[in-house]
Amino acid sequence: MGYGMTVERMKYVIWAVDMSRAVGFYTGVLGGKLLKQNEVISEVEICGGIIGIHGGGEGGRTWTGLSFQVPDVIAGAAEIVAAGGQLVREPQPENGEPPHLAMCVDPEGNEIMLTRKRHAA
């Protein structure tokens, strides 16, 4: 068919004020694999997805749309806070189930989400 351009690679880019701190957060807290690092752009792979971290960020709050599934969002949120991040609000139980969602902020001001796999009713 031949429609569309040839896409060679895809990554999601976020901003960082402090490149070392950002790379440390995504590799240390979220277990990412560092693919490339310099002061302008770094790349971290998490579960097959690539996050590009671009220097020159202003540190303002930005919703990224990034979501990370973890076994326990309360424990995960605590790890984010311990690493210099923040919670938008404490994870809330829902319908008597443990929390399945934690809205968080990385140390650079990027809003991310932790989710827990929900069991079918």
PDB file of N, CA and C in Angstrom:
ATOM      1  N   MET A   1       0.828  -1.203   0.000  1.00  0.00           N
ATOM      2  CA  MET A   1       0.000   0.000   0.000  1.00  0.00           C
ATOM      3  C   MET A   1       0.870   1.264   0.000  1.00  0.00           C
ATOM      4  N   GLY A   2       1.867   1.310   0.889  1.00  0.00           N
ATOM      5  CA  GLY A   2       2.795   2.431   0.852  1.00  0.00           C
ATOM      6  C   GLY A   2       2.272   3.740   1.418  1.00  0.00           C
ATOM      7  N   TYR A   3       1.212   3.693   2.209  1.00  0.00           N
ATOM      8  CA  TYR A   3       0.689   4.934   2.787  1.00  0.00           C
ATOM      9  C   TYR A   3       1.412   5.253   4.081  1.00  0.00           C
ATOM     10  N   GLY A   4       1.524   6.508   4.376  1.00  0.00           N
ATOM     11  CA  GLY A   4       2.119   6.936   5.631  1.00  0.00           C
ATOM     12  C   GLY A   4       3.633   6.983   5.585  1.00  0.00           C
ATOM     13  N   MET A   5       4.177   7.710   6.503  1.00  0.00           N
ATOM     14  CA  MET A   5       5.627   7.832   6.577  1.00  0.00           C
ATOM     15  C   MET A   5       6.235   6.615   7.249  1.00  0.00           C
ATOM     16  N   THR A   6       7.528   6.457   7.125  1.00  0.00           N
ATOM     17  CA  THR A   6       8.243   5.388   7.804  1.00  0.00           C
ATOM     18  C   THR A   6       8.671   5.900   9.172  1.00  0.00           C
ATOM     19  N   VAL A   7       8.086   5.363  10.228  1.00  0.00           N
ATOM     20  CA  VAL A   7       8.450   5.756  11.588  1.00  0.00           C
ATOM     21  C   VAL A   7       9.525   4.798  12.072  1.00  0.00           C
ATOM     22  N   GLU A   8      10.659   5.342  12.471  1.00  0.00           N
ATOM     23  CA  GLU A   8      11.786   4.517  12.881  1.00  0.00           C
ATOM     24  C   GLU A   8      11.824   4.259  14.381  1.00  0.00           C
ATOM     25  N   ARG A   9      11.240   5.170  15.153  1.00  0.00           N
ATOM     26  CA  ARG A   9      11.317   5.054  16.608  1.00  0.00           C
ATOM     27  C   ARG A   9      10.295   5.994  17.218  1.00  0.00           C
ATOM     28  N   MET A  10       9.764   5.661  18.415  1.00  0.00           N
ATOM     29  CA  MET A  10       8.826   6.542  19.093  1.00  0.00           C
ATOM     30  C   MET A  10       9.251   6.668  20.542  1.00  0.00           C
ATOM     31  N   LYS A  11       9.203   7.885  21.065  1.00  0.00           N
ATOM     32  CA  LYS A  11       9.450   8.107  22.485  1.00  0.00           C
ATOM     33  C   LYS A  11       8.538   9.226  22.957  1.00  0.00           C
ATOM     34  N   TYR A  12       8.297   9.258  24.248  1.00  0.00           N
ATOM     35  CA  TYR A  12       7.487  10.304  24.868  1.00  0.00           C
ATOM     36  C   TYR A  12       8.449  11.238  25.589  1.00  0.00           C
ATOM     37  N   VAL A  13       8.394  12.527  25.288  1.00  0.00           N
ATOM     38  CA  VAL A  13       9.360  13.479  25.832  1.00  0.00           C
ATOM     39  C   VAL A  13       8.748  14.297  26.963  1.00  0.00           C
ATOM     40  N   ILE A  14       9.477  14.377  28.062  1.00  0.00           N
ATOM     41  CA  ILE A  14       9.105  15.223  29.200  1.00  0.00           C
ATOM     42  C   ILE A  14      10.248  16.205  29.447  1.00  0.00           C
ATOM     43  N   TRP A  15      10.005  17.215  30.253  1.00  0.00           N
ATOM     44  CA  TRP A  15      11.001  18.249  30.538  1.00  0.00           C
ATOM     45  C   TRP A  15      11.628  18.051  31.914  1.00  0.00           C
ATOM     46  N   ALA A  16      12.861  18.515  32.059  1.00  0.00           N
ATOM     47  CA  ALA A  16      13.553  18.441  33.344  1.00  0.00           C
ATOM     48  C   ALA A  16      14.353  19.709  33.584  1.00  0.00           C
ATOM     49  N   VAL A  17      14.280  20.196  34.807  1.00  0.00           N
ATOM     50  CA  VAL A  17      15.145  21.291  35.236  1.00  0.00           C
ATOM     51  C   VAL A  17      16.533  20.720  35.554  1.00  0.00           C
ATOM     52  N   ASP A  18      16.553  19.583  36.237  1.00  0.00           N
ATOM     53  CA  ASP A  18      17.786  18.932  36.689  1.00  0.00           C
ATOM     54  C   ASP A  18      17.858  17.539  36.048  1.00  0.00           C
ATOM     55  N   MET A  19      18.683  17.414  35.010  1.00  0.00           N
ATOM     56  CA  MET A  19      18.752  16.167  34.237  1.00  0.00           C
ATOM     57  C   MET A  19      19.159  14.982  35.104  1.00  0.00           C
ATOM     58  N   SER A  20      20.174  15.144  35.937  1.00  0.00           N
ATOM     59  CA  SER A  20      20.633  14.026  36.774  1.00  0.00           C
ATOM     60  C   SER A  20      19.545  13.563  37.723  1.00  0.00           C
ATOM     61  N   ARG A  21      18.831  14.509  38.322  1.00  0.00           N
ATOM     62  CA  ARG A  21      17.742  14.160  39.239  1.00  0.00           C
ATOM     63  C   ARG A  21      16.631  13.419  38.492  1.00  0.00           C
ATOM     64  N   ALA A  22      16.284  13.896  37.302  1.00  0.00           N
ATOM     65  CA  ALA A  22      15.223  13.256  36.518  1.00  0.00           C
ATOM     66  C   ALA A  22      15.614  11.843  36.107  1.00  0.00           C
ATOM     67  N   VAL A  23      16.824  11.667  35.608  1.00  0.00           N
ATOM     68  CA  VAL A  23      17.289  10.342  35.200  1.00  0.00           C
ATOM     69  C   VAL A  23      17.323   9.415  36.417  1.00  0.00           C
ATOM     70  N   GLY A  24      17.801   9.916  37.545  1.00  0.00           N
ATOM     71  CA  GLY A  24      17.840   9.123  38.774  1.00  0.00           C
ATOM     72  C   GLY A  24      16.458   8.674  39.212  1.00  0.00           C
ATOM     73  N   PHE A  25      15.465   9.544  39.057  1.00  0.00           N
ATOM     74  CA  PHE A  25      14.095   9.207  39.435  1.00  0.00           C
ATOM     75  C   PHE A  25      13.550   8.081  38.557  1.00  0.00           C
ATOM     76  N   TYR A  26      13.654   8.231  37.251  1.00  0.00           N
ATOM     77  CA  TYR A  26      13.064   7.241  36.347  1.00  0.00           C
ATOM     78  C   TYR A  26      13.842   5.933  36.305  1.00  0.00           C
ATOM     79  N   THR A  27      15.134   5.951  36.584  1.00  0.00           N
ATOM     80  CA  THR A  27      15.887   4.694  36.644  1.00  0.00           C
ATOM     81  C   THR A  27      15.798   4.081  38.037  1.00  0.00           C
ATOM     82  N   GLY A  28      15.907   4.892  39.078  1.00  0.00           N
ATOM     83  CA  GLY A  28      15.926   4.374  40.443  1.00  0.00           C
ATOM     84  C   GLY A  28      14.570   3.981  40.979  1.00  0.00           C
ATOM     85  N   VAL A  29      13.583   4.855  40.834  1.00  0.00           N
ATOM     86  CA  VAL A  29      12.261   4.601  41.405  1.00  0.00           C
ATOM     87  C   VAL A  29      11.416   3.705  40.501  1.00  0.00           C
ATOM     88  N   LEU A  30      11.453   3.961  39.196  1.00  0.00           N
ATOM     89  CA  LEU A  30      10.600   3.211  38.276  1.00  0.00           C
ATOM     90  C   LEU A  30      11.350   2.118  37.526  1.00  0.00           C
ATOM     91  N   GLY A  31      12.599   1.886  37.890  1.00  0.00           N
ATOM     92  CA  GLY A  31      13.354   0.748  37.355  1.00  0.00           C
ATOM     93  C   GLY A  31      13.709   0.843  35.890  1.00  0.00           C
ATOM     94  N   GLY A  32      13.791   2.062  35.356  1.00  0.00           N
ATOM     95  CA  GLY A  32      14.117   2.235  33.949  1.00  0.00           C
ATOM     96  C   GLY A  32      15.560   1.904  33.630  1.00  0.00           C
ATOM     97  N   LYS A  33      15.793   1.602  32.367  1.00  0.00           N
ATOM     98  CA  LYS A  33      17.137   1.323  31.861  1.00  0.00           C
ATOM     99  C   LYS A  33      17.624   2.560  31.112  1.00  0.00           C
ATOM    100  N   LEU A  34      18.754   3.101  31.520  1.00  0.00           N
ATOM    101  CA  LEU A  34      19.311   4.290  30.876  1.00  0.00           C
ATOM    102  C   LEU A  34      19.867   3.916  29.508  1.00  0.00           C
ATOM    103  N   LEU A  35      19.347   4.547  28.463  1.00  0.00           N
ATOM    104  CA  LEU A  35      19.807   4.294  27.104  1.00  0.00           C
ATOM    105  C   LEU A  35      20.821   5.348  26.655  1.00  0.00           C
ATOM    106  N   LYS A  36      20.650   6.582  27.125  1.00  0.00           N
ATOM    107  CA  LYS A  36      21.477   7.705  26.674  1.00  0.00           C
ATOM    108  C   LYS A  36      21.337   8.822  27.696  1.00  0.00           C
ATOM    109  N   GLN A  37      22.430   9.525  27.979  1.00  0.00           N
ATOM    110  CA  GLN A  37      22.328  10.667  28.896  1.00  0.00           C
ATOM    111  C   GLN A  37      23.333  11.736  28.544  1.00  0.00           C
ATOM    112  N   ASN A  38      22.831  12.954  28.390  1.00  0.00           N
ATOM    113  CA  ASN A  38      23.673  14.145  28.335  1.00  0.00           C
ATOM    114  C   ASN A  38      22.839  15.305  28.873  1.00  0.00           C
ATOM    115  N   GLU A  39      23.348  16.492  28.849  1.00  0.00           N
ATOM    116  CA  GLU A  39      22.615  17.611  29.462  1.00  0.00           C
ATOM    117  C   GLU A  39      21.409  18.076  28.634  1.00  0.00           C
ATOM    118  N   VAL A  40      21.383  17.729  27.343  1.00  0.00           N
ATOM    119  CA  VAL A  40      20.304  18.178  26.478  1.00  0.00           C
ATOM    120  C   VAL A  40      19.151  17.184  26.463  1.00  0.00           C
ATOM    121  N   ILE A  41      19.456  15.910  26.207  1.00  0.00           N
ATOM    122  CA  ILE A  41      18.411  14.891  26.150  1.00  0.00           C
ATOM    123  C   ILE A  41      18.943  13.570  26.689  1.00  0.00           C
ATOM    124  N   SER A  42      18.125  12.930  27.486  1.00  0.00           N
ATOM    125  CA  SER A  42      18.443  11.596  27.983  1.00  0.00           C
ATOM    126  C   SER A  42      17.275  10.693  27.622  1.00  0.00           C
ATOM    127  N   GLU A  43      17.539   9.393  27.571  1.00  0.00           N
ATOM    128  CA  GLU A  43      16.483   8.437  27.261  1.00  0.00           C
ATOM    129  C   GLU A  43      16.509   7.303  28.266  1.00  0.00           C
ATOM    130  N   VAL A  44      15.322   6.963  28.756  1.00  0.00           N
ATOM    131  CA  VAL A  44      15.151   5.879  29.716  1.00  0.00           C
ATOM    132  C   VAL A  44      14.071   4.948  29.177  1.00  0.00           C
ATOM    133  N   GLU A  45      14.336   3.646  29.183  1.00  0.00           N
ATOM    134  CA  GLU A  45      13.364   2.661  28.740  1.00  0.00           C
ATOM    135  C   GLU A  45      12.719   2.006  29.954  1.00  0.00           C
ATOM    136  N   ILE A  46      11.389   2.005  29.977  1.00  0.00           N
ATOM    137  CA  ILE A  46      10.633   1.364  31.053  1.00  0.00           C
ATOM    138  C   ILE A  46       9.602   0.447  30.410  1.00  0.00           C
ATOM    139  N   CYS A  47       9.704  -0.850  30.664  1.00  0.00           N
ATOM    140  CA  CYS A  47       8.762  -1.841  30.123  1.00  0.00           C
ATOM    141  C   CYS A  47       8.574  -1.705  28.613  1.00  0.00           C
ATOM    142  N   GLY A  48       9.637  -1.450  27.892  1.00  0.00           N
ATOM    143  CA  GLY A  48       9.568  -1.354  26.441  1.00  0.00           C
ATOM    144  C   GLY A  48       9.221   0.015  25.903  1.00  0.00           C
ATOM    145  N   GLY A  49       8.788   0.929  26.753  1.00  0.00           N
ATOM    146  CA  GLY A  49       8.491   2.295  26.324  1.00  0.00           C
ATOM    147  C   GLY A  49       9.685   3.193  26.600  1.00  0.00           C
ATOM    148  N   ILE A  50       9.887   4.188  25.754  1.00  0.00           N
ATOM    149  CA  ILE A  50      11.026   5.093  25.930  1.00  0.00           C
ATOM    150  C   ILE A  50      10.537   6.479  26.338  1.00  0.00           C
ATOM    151  N   ILE A  51      11.113   6.971  27.419  1.00  0.00           N
ATOM    152  CA  ILE A  51      10.863   8.343  27.854  1.00  0.00           C
ATOM    153  C   ILE A  51      12.103   9.145  27.504  1.00  0.00           C
ATOM    154  N   GLY A  52      11.913  10.201  26.719  1.00  0.00           N
ATOM    155  CA  GLY A  52      12.976  11.149  26.442  1.00  0.00           C
ATOM    156  C   GLY A  52      12.870  12.256  27.481  1.00  0.00           C
ATOM    157  N   ILE A  53      13.966  12.568  28.130  1.00  0.00           N
ATOM    158  CA  ILE A  53      13.968  13.634  29.139  1.00  0.00           C
ATOM    159  C   ILE A  53      14.770  14.786  28.560  1.00  0.00           C
ATOM    160  N   HIS A  54      14.094  15.896  28.322  1.00  0.00           N
ATOM    161  CA  HIS A  54      14.718  17.043  27.680  1.00  0.00           C
ATOM    162  C   HIS A  54      15.101  18.087  28.725  1.00  0.00           C
ATOM    163  N   GLY A  55      16.334  18.550  28.680  1.00  0.00           N
ATOM    164  CA  GLY A  55      16.798  19.590  29.606  1.00  0.00           C
ATOM    165  C   GLY A  55      16.149  20.925  29.290  1.00  0.00           C
ATOM    166  N   GLY A  56      16.328  21.872  30.180  1.00  0.00           N
ATOM    167  CA  GLY A  56      15.800  23.212  29.966  1.00  0.00           C
ATOM    168  C   GLY A  56      14.388  23.400  30.474  1.00  0.00           C
ATOM    169  N   GLY A  57      13.882  22.440  31.236  1.00  0.00           N
ATOM    170  CA  GLY A  57      12.538  22.568  31.792  1.00  0.00           C
ATOM    171  C   GLY A  57      12.467  23.708  32.798  1.00  0.00           C
ATOM    172  N   GLU A  58      11.261  24.194  33.024  1.00  0.00           N
ATOM    173  CA  GLU A  58      11.052  25.305  33.953  1.00  0.00           C
ATOM    174  C   GLU A  58      10.505  24.855  35.295  1.00  0.00           C
ATOM    175  N   GLY A  59      10.205  23.563  35.441  1.00  0.00           N
ATOM    176  CA  GLY A  59       9.749  23.047  36.725  1.00  0.00           C
ATOM    177  C   GLY A  59       8.288  23.252  37.018  1.00  0.00           C
ATOM    178  N   GLY A  60       7.520  23.775  36.061  1.00  0.00           N
ATOM    179  CA  GLY A  60       6.092  23.959  36.269  1.00  0.00           C
ATOM    180  C   GLY A  60       5.374  22.622  36.224  1.00  0.00           C
ATOM    181  N   ARG A  61       4.176  22.574  36.788  1.00  0.00           N
ATOM    182  CA  ARG A  61       3.392  21.336  36.787  1.00  0.00           C
ATOM    183  C   ARG A  61       2.832  21.094  35.394  1.00  0.00           C
ATOM    184  N   THR A  62       3.044  19.885  34.868  1.00  0.00           N
ATOM    185  CA  THR A  62       2.580  19.506  33.540  1.00  0.00           C
ATOM    186  C   THR A  62       2.022  18.095  33.597  1.00  0.00           C
ATOM    187  N   TRP A  63       0.782  17.905  33.123  1.00  0.00           N
ATOM    188  CA  TRP A  63       0.214  16.568  33.034  1.00  0.00           C
ATOM    189  C   TRP A  63       0.847  15.882  31.832  1.00  0.00           C
ATOM    190  N   THR A  64       1.425  14.701  32.035  1.00  0.00           N
ATOM    191  CA  THR A  64       2.116  14.000  30.958  1.00  0.00           C
ATOM    192  C   THR A  64       1.254  12.966  30.255  1.00  0.00           C
ATOM    193  N   GLY A  65       0.320  12.367  30.962  1.00  0.00           N
ATOM    194  CA  GLY A  65      -0.403  11.234  30.405  1.00  0.00           C
ATOM    195  C   GLY A  65       0.321   9.920  30.641  1.00  0.00           C
ATOM    196  N   LEU A  66       1.491   9.938  31.282  1.00  0.00           N
ATOM    197  CA  LEU A  66       2.236   8.717  31.557  1.00  0.00           C
ATOM    198  C   LEU A  66       1.598   7.957  32.713  1.00  0.00           C
ATOM    199  N   SER A  67       1.416   6.654  32.515  1.00  0.00           N
ATOM    200  CA  SER A  67       0.827   5.802  33.525  1.00  0.00           C
ATOM    201  C   SER A  67       1.701   4.562  33.701  1.00  0.00           C
ATOM    202  N   PHE A  68       1.961   4.199  34.944  1.00  0.00           N
ATOM    203  CA  PHE A  68       2.803   3.054  35.268  1.00  0.00           C
ATOM    204  C   PHE A  68       2.009   2.088  36.136  1.00  0.00           C
ATOM    205  N   GLN A  69       1.825   0.846  35.676  1.00  0.00           N
ATOM    206  CA  GLN A  69       1.105  -0.150  36.466  1.00  0.00           C
ATOM    207  C   GLN A  69       2.065  -0.796  37.448  1.00  0.00           C
ATOM    208  N   VAL A  70       1.677  -0.790  38.720  1.00  0.00           N
ATOM    209  CA  VAL A  70       2.483  -1.355  39.803  1.00  0.00           C
ATOM    210  C   VAL A  70       1.598  -2.276  40.646  1.00  0.00           C
ATOM    211  N   PRO A  71       2.195  -3.183  41.436  1.00  0.00           N
ATOM    212  CA  PRO A  71       1.367  -4.090  42.245  1.00  0.00           C
ATOM    213  C   PRO A  71       0.596  -3.383  43.359  1.00  0.00           C
ATOM    214  N   ASP A  72       1.158  -2.291  43.905  1.00  0.00           N
ATOM    215  CA  ASP A  72       0.555  -1.619  45.062  1.00  0.00           C
ATOM    216  C   ASP A  72       0.761  -0.113  44.908  1.00  0.00           C
ATOM    217  N   VAL A  73      -0.326   0.615  44.628  1.00  0.00           N
ATOM    218  CA  VAL A  73      -0.178   2.057  44.392  1.00  0.00           C
ATOM    219  C   VAL A  73       0.169   2.830  45.664  1.00  0.00           C
ATOM    220  N   ILE A  74      -0.215   2.332  46.842  1.00  0.00           N
ATOM    221  CA  ILE A  74       0.126   3.031  48.084  1.00  0.00           C
ATOM    222  C   ILE A  74       1.630   2.945  48.319  1.00  0.00           C
ATOM    223  N   ALA A  75       2.206   1.747  48.174  1.00  0.00           N
ATOM    224  CA  ALA A  75       3.651   1.578  48.331  1.00  0.00           C
ATOM    225  C   ALA A  75       4.395   2.347  47.247  1.00  0.00           C
ATOM    226  N   GLY A  76       3.890   2.291  46.013  1.00  0.00           N
ATOM    227  CA  GLY A  76       4.532   3.016  44.912  1.00  0.00           C
ATOM    228  C   GLY A  76       4.528   4.516  45.136  1.00  0.00           C
ATOM    229  N   ALA A  77       3.397   5.045  45.584  1.00  0.00           N
ATOM    230  CA  ALA A  77       3.301   6.473  45.851  1.00  0.00           C
ATOM    231  C   ALA A  77       4.274   6.885  46.954  1.00  0.00           C
ATOM    232  N   ALA A  78       4.425   6.037  47.971  1.00  0.00           N
ATOM    233  CA  ALA A  78       5.373   6.326  49.048  1.00  0.00           C
ATOM    234  C   ALA A  78       6.802   6.379  48.511  1.00  0.00           C
ATOM    235  N   GLU A  79       7.131   5.498  47.566  1.00  0.00           N
ATOM    236  CA  GLU A  79       8.470   5.519  46.962  1.00  0.00           C
ATOM    237  C   GLU A  79       8.691   6.795  46.155  1.00  0.00           C
ATOM    238  N   ILE A  80       7.665   7.254  45.464  1.00  0.00           N
ATOM    239  CA  ILE A  80       7.780   8.497  44.695  1.00  0.00           C
ATOM    240  C   ILE A  80       8.034   9.678  45.621  1.00  0.00           C
ATOM    241  N   VAL A  81       7.306   9.744  46.728  1.00  0.00           N
ATOM    242  CA  VAL A  81       7.498  10.829  47.696  1.00  0.00           C
ATOM    243  C   VAL A  81       8.897  10.750  48.322  1.00  0.00           C
ATOM    244  N   ALA A  82       9.335   9.540  48.664  1.00  0.00           N
ATOM    245  CA  ALA A  82      10.669   9.358  49.259  1.00  0.00           C
ATOM    246  C   ALA A  82      11.777   9.800  48.306  1.00  0.00           C
ATOM    247  N   ALA A  83      11.508   9.741  46.992  1.00  0.00           N
ATOM    248  CA  ALA A  83      12.505  10.118  45.991  1.00  0.00           C
ATOM    249  C   ALA A  83      12.400  11.591  45.587  1.00  0.00           C
ATOM    250  N   GLY A  84      11.600  12.370  46.311  1.00  0.00           N
ATOM    251  CA  GLY A  84      11.508  13.802  46.035  1.00  0.00           C
ATOM    252  C   GLY A  84      10.302  14.203  45.207  1.00  0.00           C
ATOM    253  N   GLY A  85       9.427  13.247  44.888  1.00  0.00           N
ATOM    254  CA  GLY A  85       8.205  13.569  44.165  1.00  0.00           C
ATOM    255  C   GLY A  85       7.101  13.973  45.130  1.00  0.00           C
ATOM    256  N   GLN A  86       5.891  14.119  44.608  1.00  0.00           N
ATOM    257  CA  GLN A  86       4.742  14.528  45.419  1.00  0.00           C
ATOM    258  C   GLN A  86       3.516  13.715  45.015  1.00  0.00           C
ATOM    259  N   LEU A  87       2.530  13.725  45.887  1.00  0.00           N
ATOM    260  CA  LEU A  87       1.223  13.166  45.550  1.00  0.00           C
ATOM    261  C   LEU A  87       0.272  14.327  45.307  1.00  0.00           C
ATOM    262  N   VAL A  88      -0.555  14.208  44.272  1.00  0.00           N
ATOM    263  CA  VAL A  88      -1.599  15.204  44.048  1.00  0.00           C
ATOM    264  C   VAL A  88      -2.622  15.085  45.171  1.00  0.00           C
ATOM    265  N   ARG A  89      -2.947  13.834  45.528  1.00  0.00           N
ATOM    266  CA  ARG A  89      -3.759  13.531  46.708  1.00  0.00           C
ATOM    267  C   ARG A  89      -3.477  12.092  47.099  1.00  0.00           C
ATOM    268  N   GLU A  90      -3.798  11.740  48.334  1.00  0.00           N
ATOM    269  CA  GLU A  90      -3.584  10.367  48.795  1.00  0.00           C
ATOM    270  C   GLU A  90      -4.431   9.404  47.972  1.00  0.00           C
ATOM    271  N   PRO A  91      -3.891   8.221  47.632  1.00  0.00           N
ATOM    272  CA  PRO A  91      -4.696   7.224  46.918  1.00  0.00           C
ATOM    273  C   PRO A  91      -5.933   6.850  47.743  1.00  0.00           C
ATOM    274  N   GLN A  92      -7.082   6.760  47.074  1.00  0.00           N
ATOM    275  CA  GLN A  92      -8.355   6.510  47.750  1.00  0.00           C
ATOM    276  C   GLN A  92      -8.872   5.109  47.461  1.00  0.00           C
ATOM    277  N   PRO A  93      -9.401   4.404  48.509  1.00  0.00           N
ATOM    278  CA  PRO A  93     -10.079   3.130  48.254  1.00  0.00           C
ATOM    279  C   PRO A  93     -11.318   3.392  47.391  1.00  0.00           C
ATOM    280  N   GLU A  94     -11.750   2.376  46.657  1.00  0.00           N
ATOM    281  CA  GLU A  94     -12.927   2.539  45.813  1.00  0.00           C
ATOM    282  C   GLU A  94     -13.804   1.301  45.924  1.00  0.00           C
ATOM    283  N   ASN A  95     -15.032   1.498  46.332  1.00  0.00           N
ATOM    284  CA  ASN A  95     -16.000   0.392  46.482  1.00  0.00           C
ATOM    285  C   ASN A  95     -15.455  -0.733  47.358  1.00  0.00           C
ATOM    286  N   GLY A  96     -14.776  -0.362  48.441  1.00  0.00           N
ATOM    287  CA  GLY A  96     -14.245  -1.351  49.367  1.00  0.00           C
ATOM    288  C   GLY A  96     -12.977  -2.046  48.886  1.00  0.00           C
ATOM    289  N   GLU A  97     -12.499  -1.700  47.691  1.00  0.00           N
ATOM    290  CA  GLU A  97     -11.262  -2.270  47.152  1.00  0.00           C
ATOM    291  C   GLU A  97     -10.083  -1.371  47.520  1.00  0.00           C
ATOM    292  N   PRO A  98      -8.875  -1.950  47.606  1.00  0.00           N
ATOM    293  CA  PRO A  98      -7.696  -1.095  47.828  1.00  0.00           C
ATOM    294  C   PRO A  98      -7.564  -0.087  46.686  1.00  0.00           C
ATOM    295  N   PRO A  99      -6.894   1.032  46.936  1.00  0.00           N
ATOM    296  CA  PRO A  99      -6.732   2.031  45.875  1.00  0.00           C
ATOM    297  C   PRO A  99      -6.114   1.414  44.617  1.00  0.00           C
ATOM    298  N   HIS A 100      -6.599   1.860  43.470  1.00  0.00           N
ATOM    299  CA  HIS A 100      -6.049   1.375  42.205  1.00  0.00           C
ATOM    300  C   HIS A 100      -5.400   2.504  41.405  1.00  0.00           C
ATOM    301  N   LEU A 101      -5.389   3.717  41.962  1.00  0.00           N
ATOM    302  CA  LEU A 101      -4.881   4.874  41.235  1.00  0.00           C
ATOM    303  C   LEU A 101      -4.170   5.833  42.187  1.00  0.00           C
ATOM    304  N   ALA A 102      -3.000   6.303  41.784  1.00  0.00           N
ATOM    305  CA  ALA A 102      -2.293   7.338  42.545  1.00  0.00           C
ATOM    306  C   ALA A 102      -1.814   8.395  41.563  1.00  0.00           C
ATOM    307  N   MET A 103      -2.269   9.622  41.752  1.00  0.00           N
ATOM    308  CA  MET A 103      -1.836  10.741  40.920  1.00  0.00           C
ATOM    309  C   MET A 103      -0.612  11.357  41.598  1.00  0.00           C
ATOM    310  N   CYS A 104       0.502  11.369  40.879  1.00  0.00           N
ATOM    311  CA  CYS A 104       1.781  11.761  41.451  1.00  0.00           C
ATOM    312  C   CYS A 104       2.451  12.836  40.602  1.00  0.00           C
ATOM    313  N   VAL A 105       3.509  13.422  41.151  1.00  0.00           N
ATOM    314  CA  VAL A 105       4.311  14.411  40.441  1.00  0.00           C
ATOM    315  C   VAL A 105       5.772  14.032  40.629  1.00  0.00           C
ATOM    316  N   ASP A 106       6.525  13.931  39.528  1.00  0.00           N
ATOM    317  CA  ASP A 106       7.950  13.625  39.660  1.00  0.00           C
ATOM    318  C   ASP A 106       8.689  14.859  40.179  1.00  0.00           C
ATOM    319  N   PRO A 107       9.964  14.756  40.552  1.00  0.00           N
ATOM    320  CA  PRO A 107      10.681  15.910  41.114  1.00  0.00           C
ATOM    321  C   PRO A 107      10.821  17.092  40.153  1.00  0.00           C
ATOM    322  N   GLU A 108      10.545  16.888  38.861  1.00  0.00           N
ATOM    323  CA  GLU A 108      10.659  17.952  37.855  1.00  0.00           C
ATOM    324  C   GLU A 108       9.338  18.657  37.577  1.00  0.00           C
ATOM    325  N   GLY A 109       8.251  18.224  38.247  1.00  0.00           N
ATOM    326  CA  GLY A 109       6.945  18.849  38.043  1.00  0.00           C
ATOM    327  C   GLY A 109       6.065  18.135  37.034  1.00  0.00           C
ATOM    328  N   ASN A 110       6.522  16.980  36.510  1.00  0.00           N
ATOM    329  CA  ASN A 110       5.729  16.207  35.547  1.00  0.00           C
ATOM    330  C   ASN A 110       4.735  15.320  36.295  1.00  0.00           C
ATOM    331  N   GLU A 111       3.446  15.485  36.006  1.00  0.00           N
ATOM    332  CA  GLU A 111       2.418  14.677  36.652  1.00  0.00           C
ATOM    333  C   GLU A 111       2.332  13.316  35.973  1.00  0.00           C
ATOM    334  N   ILE A 112       2.406  12.260  36.783  1.00  0.00           N
ATOM    335  CA  ILE A 112       2.327  10.886  36.298  1.00  0.00           C
ATOM    336  C   ILE A 112       1.293  10.132  37.139  1.00  0.00           C
ATOM    337  N   MET A 113       0.913   8.964  36.665  1.00  0.00           N
ATOM    338  CA  MET A 113      -0.111   8.188  37.345  1.00  0.00           C
ATOM    339  C   MET A 113       0.433   6.788  37.622  1.00  0.00           C
ATOM    340  N   LEU A 114       0.147   6.293  38.813  1.00  0.00           N
ATOM    341  CA  LEU A 114       0.388   4.882  39.117  1.00  0.00           C
ATOM    342  C   LEU A 114      -0.966   4.195  39.133  1.00  0.00           C
ATOM    343  N   THR A 115      -1.026   2.998  38.557  1.00  0.00           N
ATOM    344  CA  THR A 115      -2.270   2.236  38.576  1.00  0.00           C
ATOM    345  C   THR A 115      -1.977   0.827  39.074  1.00  0.00           C
ATOM    346  N   ARG A 116      -2.998   0.212  39.608  1.00  0.00           N
ATOM    347  CA  ARG A 116      -2.932  -1.196  40.009  1.00  0.00           C
ATOM    348  C   ARG A 116      -3.894  -1.945  39.116  1.00  0.00           C
ATOM    349  N   LYS A 117      -3.495  -3.139  38.670  1.00  0.00           N
ATOM    350  CA  LYS A 117      -4.376  -3.961  37.845  1.00  0.00           C
ATOM    351  C   LYS A 117      -5.639  -4.275  38.630  1.00  0.00           C
ATOM    352  N   ARG A 118      -6.763  -4.030  38.025  1.00  0.00           N
ATOM    353  CA  ARG A 118      -8.047  -4.303  38.675  1.00  0.00           C
ATOM    354  C   ARG A 118      -8.499  -5.697  38.294  1.00  0.00           C
ATOM    355  N   HIS A 119      -9.079  -6.379  39.256  1.00  0.00           N
ATOM    356  CA  HIS A 119      -9.573  -7.718  39.020  1.00  0.00           C
ATOM    357  C   HIS A 119     -10.995  -7.651  38.483  1.00  0.00           C
ATOM    358  N   ALA A 120     -11.304  -8.497  37.563  1.00  0.00           N
ATOM    359  CA  ALA A 120     -12.654  -8.525  36.972  1.00  0.00           C
ATOM    360  C   ALA A 120     -13.673  -8.926  38.047  1.00  0.00           C
ATOM    361  N   ALA A 121     -14.804  -8.278  38.049  1.00  0.00           N
ATOM    362  CA  ALA A 121     -15.841  -8.558  39.038  1.00  0.00           C
ATOM    363  C   ALA A 121     -16.584  -9.818  38.715  1.00  0.00           C
TER     364      ALA A 121
END
